[in-house]
């Protein structure tokens, strides 16, 4: 096994890399990255591009450890992609938390106002109908429940509810679900804990 420079990445040019073999390796590496890490196909393309003998490429690929260096590069790219994904997801969660909190506050105030006015109506059906108007209490409660279900979905809790309301609220929840479901499968339990902490932090801010 070759000895790698501690100050360089494994796939970067090492002191023992010769000019042409490294050029062939770099082409192989970039071809792997573009073609879903199919190393056999990448070797064939390297042979074709540089007009090299297949046996020669097999020999130098073993000598210069092409496969292990390509694996190190793939791991690096995966880690960088995960970091980028987690930062993006954290921002999305923060934005969604704020939207849900704002919606809950608005609907909560409306609900309190309606309940108070209905109590003052003291059983007067005409006054009650006037107070409620086109918004029913079950609908308001359901909006609050949708917020709660959306939060469960974001945190990866497998307890999704059917969205039965029409209009923008249902559409928004559906869009969030479609956008988040695939990403949730990639999150570790530890990251979900981080977002729960973020939610708690945002809730604290709302009470300041």
Protein backbone atom coordinates (compact mmCIF):
# COMPACT_ATOMS: atom_id res chain seq x y z
CA UNK A 1 0.00 0.00 0.00
CA UNK A 2 1.27 3.47 -0.91
CA UNK A 3 2.03 6.04 1.77
CA UNK A 4 -0.19 9.11 1.37
CA UNK A 5 0.71 12.69 2.16
CA UNK A 6 -1.17 13.68 5.34
CA UNK A 7 -1.68 17.21 4.00
CA UNK A 8 -3.42 16.03 0.85
CA UNK A 9 -6.62 14.23 0.02
CA UNK A 10 -6.14 10.61 -0.99
CA UNK A 11 -7.19 11.31 -4.59
CA UNK A 12 -4.91 14.33 -4.97
CA UNK A 13 -1.54 14.00 -6.69
CA UNK A 14 0.97 12.32 -4.36
CA UNK A 15 4.74 12.45 -4.43
CA UNK A 16 4.86 8.94 -5.92
CA UNK A 17 2.31 9.73 -8.65
CA UNK A 18 3.89 9.95 -12.09
CA UNK A 19 2.61 12.57 -14.50
CA UNK A 20 0.85 10.44 -17.11
CA UNK A 21 -0.52 7.74 -14.79
CA UNK A 22 -2.01 10.47 -12.61
CA UNK A 23 -3.52 12.14 -15.66
CA UNK A 24 -5.17 8.84 -16.56
CA UNK A 25 -6.33 8.36 -12.97
CA UNK A 26 -7.84 11.83 -12.80
CA UNK A 27 -9.79 11.22 -16.00
CA UNK A 28 -10.95 7.87 -14.58
CA UNK A 29 -11.98 9.58 -11.33
CA UNK A 30 -14.04 12.30 -13.04
CA UNK A 31 -15.64 9.68 -15.31
CA UNK A 32 -16.60 7.62 -12.26
CA UNK A 33 -18.18 10.65 -10.61
CA UNK A 34 -20.23 11.40 -13.73
CA UNK A 35 -21.34 7.82 -14.31
CA UNK A 36 -22.55 6.67 -10.90
CA UNK A 37 -19.17 5.23 -9.87
CA UNK A 38 -19.13 2.43 -12.43
CA UNK A 39 -15.39 1.79 -12.29
CA UNK A 40 -15.28 -0.86 -15.04
CA UNK A 41 -16.96 1.48 -17.50
CA UNK A 42 -14.70 4.33 -16.42
CA UNK A 43 -11.62 2.22 -17.15
CA UNK A 44 -12.93 1.42 -20.62
CA UNK A 45 -13.57 5.10 -21.31
CA UNK A 46 -10.07 5.95 -20.07
CA UNK A 47 -8.58 3.41 -22.47
CA UNK A 48 -10.61 4.80 -25.34
CA UNK A 49 -9.95 8.45 -24.61
CA UNK A 50 -6.17 8.10 -24.32
CA UNK A 51 -5.88 5.13 -26.71
CA UNK A 52 -4.35 2.96 -23.99
CA UNK A 53 -3.93 -0.79 -23.78
CA UNK A 54 -6.46 -2.41 -21.43
CA UNK A 55 -3.82 -4.50 -19.64
CA UNK A 56 -1.71 -1.40 -19.07
CA UNK A 57 -4.64 0.43 -17.47
CA UNK A 58 -5.42 -2.58 -15.28
CA UNK A 59 -1.82 -2.67 -14.11
CA UNK A 60 -1.47 1.02 -13.26
CA UNK A 61 -4.94 1.16 -11.70
CA UNK A 62 -3.78 -1.47 -9.22
CA UNK A 63 -0.34 0.06 -8.76
CA UNK A 64 -1.74 3.54 -8.03
CA UNK A 65 -4.78 2.29 -6.14
CA UNK A 66 -7.42 3.85 -8.35
CA UNK A 67 -10.39 2.10 -6.75
CA UNK A 68 -9.61 3.00 -3.12
CA UNK A 69 -8.80 6.58 -4.09
CA UNK A 70 -12.04 6.84 -6.05
CA UNK A 71 -13.94 5.47 -3.03
CA UNK A 72 -12.31 8.13 -0.82
CA UNK A 73 -13.41 10.81 -3.28
CA UNK A 74 -16.96 9.44 -3.37
CA UNK A 75 -17.11 9.45 0.45
CA UNK A 76 -15.91 13.05 0.48
CA UNK A 77 -18.57 14.14 -2.03
CA UNK A 78 -21.28 12.29 -0.10
CA UNK A 79 -20.25 14.00 3.14
CA UNK A 80 -20.21 17.43 1.51
CA UNK A 81 -23.62 16.79 -0.02
CA UNK A 82 -24.98 15.70 3.35
CA UNK A 83 -23.66 18.87 5.00
CA UNK A 84 -25.27 21.00 2.31
CA UNK A 85 -28.53 19.08 2.61
CA UNK A 86 -28.64 19.44 6.40
CA UNK A 87 -28.01 23.19 6.25
CA UNK A 88 -30.72 23.62 3.64
CA UNK A 89 -33.10 21.40 5.59
CA UNK A 90 -32.45 23.32 8.79
CA UNK A 91 -33.35 26.58 7.06
CA UNK A 92 -36.47 25.03 5.58
CA UNK A 93 -37.51 23.74 8.99
CA UNK A 94 -36.96 27.13 10.58
CA UNK A 95 -39.07 28.81 7.92
CA UNK A 96 -41.81 26.20 8.27
CA UNK A 97 -41.80 26.47 12.07
CA UNK A 98 -42.23 30.23 11.81
CA UNK A 99 -45.08 29.90 9.30
CA UNK A 100 -46.88 27.35 11.45
CA UNK A 101 -46.39 29.42 14.59
CA UNK A 102 -47.74 32.54 12.86
CA UNK A 103 -50.75 30.64 11.49
CA UNK A 104 -51.47 29.10 14.87
CA UNK A 105 -51.33 32.49 16.58
CA UNK A 106 -53.70 34.07 14.04
CA UNK A 107 -56.17 31.19 14.11
CA UNK A 108 -55.89 30.93 17.89
CA UNK A 109 -56.80 34.60 18.31
CA UNK A 110 -59.72 34.17 15.91
CA UNK A 111 -60.91 31.12 17.80
CA UNK A 112 -60.73 32.91 21.16
CA UNK A 113 -62.59 35.88 19.72
CA UNK A 114 -65.37 33.67 18.32
CA UNK A 115 -65.71 31.66 21.51
CA UNK A 116 -65.91 34.85 23.58
CA UNK A 117 -68.48 36.41 21.26
CA UNK A 118 -70.58 33.24 21.23
CA UNK A 119 -70.52 33.17 24.99
CA UNK A 120 -71.76 36.78 25.04
CA UNK A 121 -74.50 35.90 22.53
CA UNK A 122 -76.00 33.76 25.27
CA UNK A 123 -77.87 31.36 22.97
CA UNK A 124 -79.14 33.98 20.48
CA UNK A 125 -79.02 31.86 17.25
CA UNK A 126 -79.16 34.84 14.88
CA UNK A 127 -76.29 36.51 16.74
CA UNK A 128 -74.34 33.25 16.74
CA UNK A 129 -74.74 32.86 12.98
CA UNK A 130 -73.64 36.45 12.51
CA UNK A 131 -70.53 35.88 14.66
CA UNK A 132 -69.44 32.66 13.02
CA UNK A 133 -70.21 33.76 9.47
CA UNK A 134 -68.64 31.47 6.85
CA UNK A 135 -66.00 30.07 9.23
CA UNK A 136 -67.07 27.19 11.43
CA UNK A 137 -65.36 26.23 14.65
CA UNK A 138 -64.55 22.71 13.39
CA UNK A 139 -62.73 24.25 10.42
CA UNK A 140 -60.63 26.45 12.69
CA UNK A 141 -59.79 23.52 14.91
CA UNK A 142 -58.88 21.48 11.84
CA UNK A 143 -56.47 24.19 10.64
CA UNK A 144 -54.72 24.00 14.00
CA UNK A 145 -54.62 20.23 13.70
CA UNK A 146 -53.13 20.47 10.22
CA UNK A 147 -50.36 22.60 11.64
CA UNK A 148 -49.68 19.95 14.26
CA UNK A 149 -49.72 17.14 11.68
CA UNK A 150 -47.38 19.10 9.42
CA UNK A 151 -44.95 19.52 12.31
CA UNK A 152 -45.09 15.77 12.98
CA UNK A 153 -44.34 15.10 9.35
CA UNK A 154 -41.34 17.46 9.31
CA UNK A 155 -39.87 15.75 12.36
CA UNK A 156 -40.36 12.34 10.79
CA UNK A 157 -43.06 11.10 13.16
CA UNK A 158 -45.03 8.47 11.16
CA UNK A 159 -48.51 9.67 12.04
CA UNK A 160 -49.68 11.53 8.95
CA UNK A 161 -53.30 12.56 8.63
CA UNK A 162 -55.37 12.92 5.48
CA UNK A 163 -55.73 16.52 4.32
CA UNK A 164 -59.45 17.10 3.81
CA UNK A 165 -59.68 20.90 3.71
CA UNK A 166 -59.82 22.58 0.32
CA UNK A 167 -57.94 25.68 -0.72
CA UNK A 168 -54.49 27.03 0.04
CA UNK A 169 -54.00 25.38 3.44
CA UNK A 170 -54.40 21.87 2.06
CA UNK A 171 -52.26 22.71 -0.95
CA UNK A 172 -49.51 24.10 1.23
CA UNK A 173 -49.45 21.03 3.48
CA UNK A 174 -49.38 18.73 0.45
CA UNK A 175 -46.46 20.65 -1.06
CA UNK A 176 -44.55 20.53 2.21
CA UNK A 177 -45.15 16.79 2.51
CA UNK A 178 -44.01 16.04 -1.02
CA UNK A 179 -40.91 18.18 -0.57
CA UNK A 180 -39.95 16.84 2.85
CA UNK A 181 -40.78 13.11 2.72
CA UNK A 182 -37.77 12.09 0.66
CA UNK A 183 -35.42 14.26 2.70
CA UNK A 184 -36.71 12.95 6.01
CA UNK A 185 -35.56 9.46 5.09
CA UNK A 186 -31.98 10.75 4.96
CA UNK A 187 -31.99 12.37 8.39
CA UNK A 188 -30.46 10.71 11.41
CA UNK A 189 -32.32 10.62 14.75
CA UNK A 190 -29.71 13.03 16.09
CA UNK A 191 -30.58 15.60 13.43
CA UNK A 192 -34.26 15.30 14.22
CA UNK A 193 -33.40 16.09 17.84
CA UNK A 194 -31.61 19.22 16.62
CA UNK A 195 -34.74 20.38 14.81
CA UNK A 196 -36.88 19.70 17.87
CA UNK A 197 -34.51 21.94 19.79
CA UNK A 198 -34.84 24.54 17.03
CA UNK A 199 -38.61 24.38 17.30
CA UNK A 200 -38.42 24.90 21.06
CA UNK A 201 -36.10 27.86 20.55
CA UNK A 202 -38.49 29.49 18.09
CA UNK A 203 -41.40 28.93 20.44
CA UNK A 204 -39.44 30.65 23.21
CA UNK A 205 -38.79 33.60 20.91
CA UNK A 206 -42.51 33.99 20.24
CA UNK A 207 -43.19 34.51 23.95
CA UNK A 208 -40.56 37.24 24.43
